Amino acid sequence: MSADATWRAKQGVLAVIRGLALPGIVAVHSQIRLDTTNLIFPCIAVTSEGESEELAAGDTTNREDWFPLRVCLMDNDDPMIRHDNEEKYLTWRRALLNAFHQRPRDGRGFLPGSPETQEIKVIPRVIYDPKIRDYGYMVSGFVLKLKIFETRR
């Protein structure tokens, strides 16, 4: 799997998320690893931190691999308003899941700018990550597994 194909796939995911224009989300960040010191909240961060590729079928001329991306919905977790924001968080999460689950394919593929992406699997994670609360951030998210088809070079 070439870096170019995975980079285009990640840029396609970012384009889809930015295209949702979710009210109240102030930024969509692309990160190698989550770094909360460089985030503007509330935001969506896309990273492959903590994930690994899956090598799939292929032959001597083509290869198919699954490339993972974590999509994280993040906000400052103020204990005084946490529950007041639950509807907003669930609305954002549902919109993000719907954007990728059973995503229709157009003439250019499943993601803008990424004709190599042949399939998308959505793997939901916990709705609210309880491990993060001690750090003052609310995190919700899921993993996208992108099936990337390439001609071997």
C-alpha atoms as a PDB file:
ATOM      1  CA  MET A   1       0.000   0.000   0.000  1.00  0.00           C
ATOM      2  CA  SER A   2       1.649   3.204  -1.087  1.00  0.00           C
ATOM      3  CA  ALA A   3       1.783   6.244   1.136  1.00  0.00           C
ATOM      4  CA  ASP A   4       0.205   8.251  -1.664  1.00  0.00           C
ATOM      5  CA  ALA A   5      -2.928   6.064  -1.687  1.00  0.00           C
ATOM      6  CA  THR A   6      -3.321   6.130   2.099  1.00  0.00           C
ATOM      7  CA  TRP A   7      -2.684   9.881   2.177  1.00  0.00           C
ATOM      8  CA  ARG A   8      -5.362  10.451  -0.480  1.00  0.00           C
ATOM      9  CA  ALA A   9      -7.763   8.244   1.491  1.00  0.00           C
ATOM     10  CA  LYS A  10      -7.163  10.252   4.674  1.00  0.00           C
ATOM     11  CA  GLN A  11      -7.653  13.510   2.773  1.00  0.00           C
ATOM     12  CA  GLY A  12     -10.918  12.084   1.369  1.00  0.00           C
ATOM     13  CA  VAL A  13     -12.158  11.270   4.881  1.00  0.00           C
ATOM     14  CA  LEU A  14     -11.282  14.801   6.026  1.00  0.00           C
ATOM     15  CA  ALA A  15     -13.133  16.264   3.024  1.00  0.00           C
ATOM     16  CA  VAL A  16     -16.270  14.258   3.818  1.00  0.00           C
ATOM     17  CA  ILE A  17     -16.186  15.360   7.467  1.00  0.00           C
ATOM     18  CA  ARG A  18     -15.565  19.015   6.591  1.00  0.00           C
ATOM     19  CA  GLY A  19     -18.376  18.820   4.030  1.00  0.00           C
ATOM     20  CA  LEU A  20     -20.843  17.962   6.803  1.00  0.00           C
ATOM     21  CA  ALA A  21     -20.324  21.463   8.262  1.00  0.00           C
ATOM     22  CA  LEU A  22     -21.552  20.285  11.649  1.00  0.00           C
ATOM     23  CA  PRO A  23     -22.898  23.273  13.628  1.00  0.00           C
ATOM     24  CA  GLY A  24     -20.658  24.038  16.584  1.00  0.00           C
ATOM     25  CA  ILE A  25     -17.621  22.063  15.385  1.00  0.00           C
ATOM     26  CA  VAL A  26     -14.878  24.661  15.069  1.00  0.00           C
ATOM     27  CA  ALA A  27     -12.152  22.517  13.492  1.00  0.00           C
ATOM     28  CA  VAL A  28     -11.365  19.218  11.794  1.00  0.00           C
ATOM     29  CA  HIS A  29      -7.790  18.214  12.580  1.00  0.00           C
ATOM     30  CA  SER A  30      -5.528  15.745  10.809  1.00  0.00           C
ATOM     31  CA  GLN A  31      -3.001  14.330  13.250  1.00  0.00           C
ATOM     32  CA  ILE A  32      -0.409  11.590  13.369  1.00  0.00           C
ATOM     33  CA  ARG A  33      -1.135  11.140  17.076  1.00  0.00           C
ATOM     34  CA  LEU A  34      -3.673  12.940  19.201  1.00  0.00           C
ATOM     35  CA  ASP A  35      -2.090  16.005  20.732  1.00  0.00           C
ATOM     36  CA  THR A  36      -4.641  17.935  22.753  1.00  0.00           C
ATOM     37  CA  THR A  37      -2.274  20.889  23.173  1.00  0.00           C
ATOM     38  CA  ASN A  38      -2.725  21.708  19.483  1.00  0.00           C
ATOM     39  CA  LEU A  39      -6.488  21.257  19.177  1.00  0.00           C
ATOM     40  CA  ILE A  40      -9.257  23.834  19.092  1.00  0.00           C
ATOM     41  CA  PHE A  41     -12.449  22.549  20.748  1.00  0.00           C
ATOM     42  CA  PRO A  42     -15.003  21.265  19.991  1.00  0.00           C
ATOM     43  CA  CYS A  43     -13.398  19.417  17.131  1.00  0.00           C
ATOM     44  CA  ILE A  44     -13.023  16.243  15.162  1.00  0.00           C
ATOM     45  CA  ALA A  45      -9.568  14.701  14.956  1.00  0.00           C
ATOM     46  CA  VAL A  46      -8.589  12.043  12.416  1.00  0.00           C
ATOM     47  CA  THR A  47      -5.564   9.867  13.195  1.00  0.00           C
ATOM     48  CA  SER A  48      -4.207   6.378  12.685  1.00  0.00           C
ATOM     49  CA  GLU A  49      -2.611   6.336  16.145  1.00  0.00           C
ATOM     50  CA  GLY A  50      -3.053   2.986  17.867  1.00  0.00           C
ATOM     51  CA  GLU A  51      -4.319   1.228  14.740  1.00  0.00           C
ATOM     52  CA  SER A  52      -2.642  -1.096  12.248  1.00  0.00           C
ATOM     53  CA  GLU A  53      -3.229  -2.102   8.656  1.00  0.00           C
ATOM     54  CA  GLU A  54      -4.679  -5.441   7.649  1.00  0.00           C
ATOM     55  CA  LEU A  55      -3.135  -7.123   4.639  1.00  0.00           C
ATOM     56  CA  ALA A  56      -5.899  -8.529   2.471  1.00  0.00           C
ATOM     57  CA  ALA A  57      -6.150 -10.475  -0.751  1.00  0.00           C
ATOM     58  CA  GLY A  58      -4.021  -9.671  -3.718  1.00  0.00           C
ATOM     59  CA  ASP A  59      -2.103 -11.221  -6.530  1.00  0.00           C
ATOM     60  CA  THR A  60       1.087 -10.558  -8.456  1.00  0.00           C
ATOM     61  CA  THR A  61      -0.343  -7.469 -10.167  1.00  0.00           C
ATOM     62  CA  ASN A  62      -2.708  -5.973  -7.572  1.00  0.00           C
ATOM     63  CA  ARG A  63      -2.962  -5.637  -3.829  1.00  0.00           C
ATOM     64  CA  GLU A  64      -5.816  -4.898  -1.461  1.00  0.00           C
ATOM     65  CA  ASP A  65      -5.183  -3.735   2.089  1.00  0.00           C
ATOM     66  CA  TRP A  66      -7.320  -2.260   4.857  1.00  0.00           C
ATOM     67  CA  PHE A  67      -6.069   1.082   6.171  1.00  0.00           C
ATOM     68  CA  PRO A  68      -7.480   2.262   9.538  1.00  0.00           C
ATOM     69  CA  LEU A  69      -8.320   5.791  10.619  1.00  0.00           C
ATOM     70  CA  ARG A  70      -9.716   6.777  14.000  1.00  0.00           C
ATOM     71  CA  VAL A  71     -12.295   9.547  13.924  1.00  0.00           C
ATOM     72  CA  CYS A  72     -12.480  11.246  17.319  1.00  0.00           C
ATOM     73  CA  LEU A  73     -15.133  13.730  18.378  1.00  0.00           C
ATOM     74  CA  MET A  74     -13.561  15.846  21.122  1.00  0.00           C
ATOM     75  CA  ASP A  75     -14.619  18.647  23.413  1.00  0.00           C
ATOM     76  CA  ASN A  76     -13.504  20.218  26.653  1.00  0.00           C
ATOM     77  CA  ASP A  77     -15.371  18.257  29.287  1.00  0.00           C
ATOM     78  CA  ASP A  78     -16.713  20.865  31.689  1.00  0.00           C
ATOM     79  CA  PRO A  79     -18.479  18.879  34.431  1.00  0.00           C
ATOM     80  CA  MET A  80     -20.999  21.687  34.900  1.00  0.00           C
ATOM     81  CA  ILE A  81     -22.401  21.471  31.346  1.00  0.00           C
ATOM     82  CA  ARG A  82     -21.463  17.933  30.293  1.00  0.00           C
ATOM     83  CA  HIS A  83     -25.040  16.624  30.468  1.00  0.00           C
ATOM     84  CA  ASP A  84     -26.476  19.717  28.789  1.00  0.00           C
ATOM     85  CA  ASN A  85     -24.330  18.944  25.727  1.00  0.00           C
ATOM     86  CA  GLU A  86     -25.277  15.282  25.395  1.00  0.00           C
ATOM     87  CA  GLU A  87     -27.864  15.877  22.655  1.00  0.00           C
ATOM     88  CA  LYS A  88     -25.351  17.903  20.650  1.00  0.00           C
ATOM     89  CA  TYR A  89     -22.668  15.214  21.038  1.00  0.00           C
ATOM     90  CA  LEU A  90     -25.042  12.429  19.995  1.00  0.00           C
ATOM     91  CA  THR A  91     -26.211  14.466  16.992  1.00  0.00           C
ATOM     92  CA  TRP A  92     -22.616  15.019  15.854  1.00  0.00           C
ATOM     93  CA  ARG A  93     -21.747  11.353  16.365  1.00  0.00           C
ATOM     94  CA  ARG A  94     -24.785  10.152  14.399  1.00  0.00           C
ATOM     95  CA  ALA A  95     -24.010  12.549  11.525  1.00  0.00           C
ATOM     96  CA  LEU A  96     -20.417  11.280  11.371  1.00  0.00           C
ATOM     97  CA  LEU A  97     -21.443   7.620  11.455  1.00  0.00           C
ATOM     98  CA  ASN A  98     -24.089   8.209   8.782  1.00  0.00           C
ATOM     99  CA  ALA A  99     -21.550   9.943   6.539  1.00  0.00           C
ATOM    100  CA  PHE A 100     -19.497   6.738   6.256  1.00  0.00           C
ATOM    101  CA  HIS A 101     -21.786   3.791   7.027  1.00  0.00           C
ATOM    102  CA  GLN A 102     -23.044   2.294   3.757  1.00  0.00           C
ATOM    103  CA  ARG A 103     -21.634   5.313   1.942  1.00  0.00           C
ATOM    104  CA  PRO A 104     -22.742   5.320  -1.698  1.00  0.00           C
ATOM    105  CA  ARG A 105     -20.092   5.093  -4.357  1.00  0.00           C
ATOM    106  CA  ASP A 106     -19.989   7.674  -7.102  1.00  0.00           C
ATOM    107  CA  GLY A 107     -18.161   7.369 -10.425  1.00  0.00           C
ATOM    108  CA  ARG A 108     -14.850   8.205  -8.746  1.00  0.00           C
ATOM    109  CA  GLY A 109     -15.062   5.923  -5.699  1.00  0.00           C
ATOM    110  CA  PHE A 110     -16.203   6.151  -2.115  1.00  0.00           C
ATOM    111  CA  LEU A 111     -14.065   9.117  -1.066  1.00  0.00           C
ATOM    112  CA  PRO A 112     -13.279  12.345  -2.897  1.00  0.00           C
ATOM    113  CA  GLY A 113      -9.787  12.272  -4.401  1.00  0.00           C
ATOM    114  CA  SER A 114      -9.240   8.608  -3.498  1.00  0.00           C
ATOM    115  CA  PRO A 115     -10.218   6.334  -6.383  1.00  0.00           C
ATOM    116  CA  GLU A 116      -8.244   3.493  -4.738  1.00  0.00           C
ATOM    117  CA  THR A 117     -10.693   3.275  -1.808  1.00  0.00           C
ATOM    118  CA  GLN A 118     -12.990   0.391  -2.740  1.00  0.00           C
ATOM    119  CA  GLU A 119     -14.897  -0.197   0.499  1.00  0.00           C
ATOM    120  CA  ILE A 120     -15.441   1.414   3.909  1.00  0.00           C
ATOM    121  CA  LYS A 121     -16.165  -0.397   7.169  1.00  0.00           C
ATOM    122  CA  VAL A 122     -17.294   1.585  10.198  1.00  0.00           C
ATOM    123  CA  ILE A 123     -16.309   0.120  13.571  1.00  0.00           C
ATOM    124  CA  PRO A 124     -17.995   2.038  16.412  1.00  0.00           C
ATOM    125  CA  ARG A 125     -16.075   2.531  19.640  1.00  0.00           C
ATOM    126  CA  VAL A 126     -17.494   3.547  23.008  1.00  0.00           C
ATOM    127  CA  ILE A 127     -19.884   6.479  22.813  1.00  0.00           C
ATOM    128  CA  TYR A 128     -18.028   8.335  25.588  1.00  0.00           C
ATOM    129  CA  ASP A 129     -14.532   7.268  26.576  1.00  0.00           C
ATOM    130  CA  PRO A 130     -14.451   7.164  30.390  1.00  0.00           C
ATOM    131  CA  LYS A 131     -10.637   6.964  30.511  1.00  0.00           C
ATOM    132  CA  ILE A 132     -10.302  10.507  29.191  1.00  0.00           C
ATOM    133  CA  ARG A 133     -12.415  12.327  31.807  1.00  0.00           C
ATOM    134  CA  ASP A 134      -9.481  12.788  34.189  1.00  0.00           C
ATOM    135  CA  TYR A 135      -7.710  14.798  31.493  1.00  0.00           C
ATOM    136  CA  GLY A 136     -10.648  17.158  30.926  1.00  0.00           C
ATOM    137  CA  TYR A 137     -11.677  16.027  27.435  1.00  0.00           C
ATOM    138  CA  MET A 138     -14.749  14.253  26.151  1.00  0.00           C
ATOM    139  CA  VAL A 139     -13.960  11.772  23.413  1.00  0.00           C
ATOM    140  CA  SER A 140     -16.330   9.780  21.264  1.00  0.00           C
ATOM    141  CA  GLY A 141     -15.453   8.050  18.072  1.00  0.00           C
ATOM    142  CA  PHE A 142     -15.105   5.161  15.715  1.00  0.00           C
ATOM    143  CA  VAL A 143     -12.607   3.533  13.394  1.00  0.00           C
ATOM    144  CA  LEU A 144     -12.880   3.570   9.642  1.00  0.00           C
ATOM    145  CA  LYS A 145     -11.320   0.642   7.813  1.00  0.00           C
ATOM    146  CA  LEU A 146     -10.663   1.688   4.230  1.00  0.00           C
ATOM    147  CA  LYS A 147     -10.090  -1.051   1.655  1.00  0.00           C
ATOM    148  CA  ILE A 148      -7.458   0.305  -0.710  1.00  0.00           C
ATOM    149  CA  PHE A 149      -6.908  -1.393  -4.066  1.00  0.00           C
ATOM    150  CA  GLU A 150      -3.674  -0.691  -5.901  1.00  0.00           C
ATOM    151  CA  THR A 151      -1.722  -1.959  -8.850  1.00  0.00           C
ATOM    152  CA  ARG A 152       1.667  -3.226  -7.697  1.00  0.00           C
ATOM    153  CA  ARG A 153       4.646  -1.264  -8.978  1.00  0.00           C
END
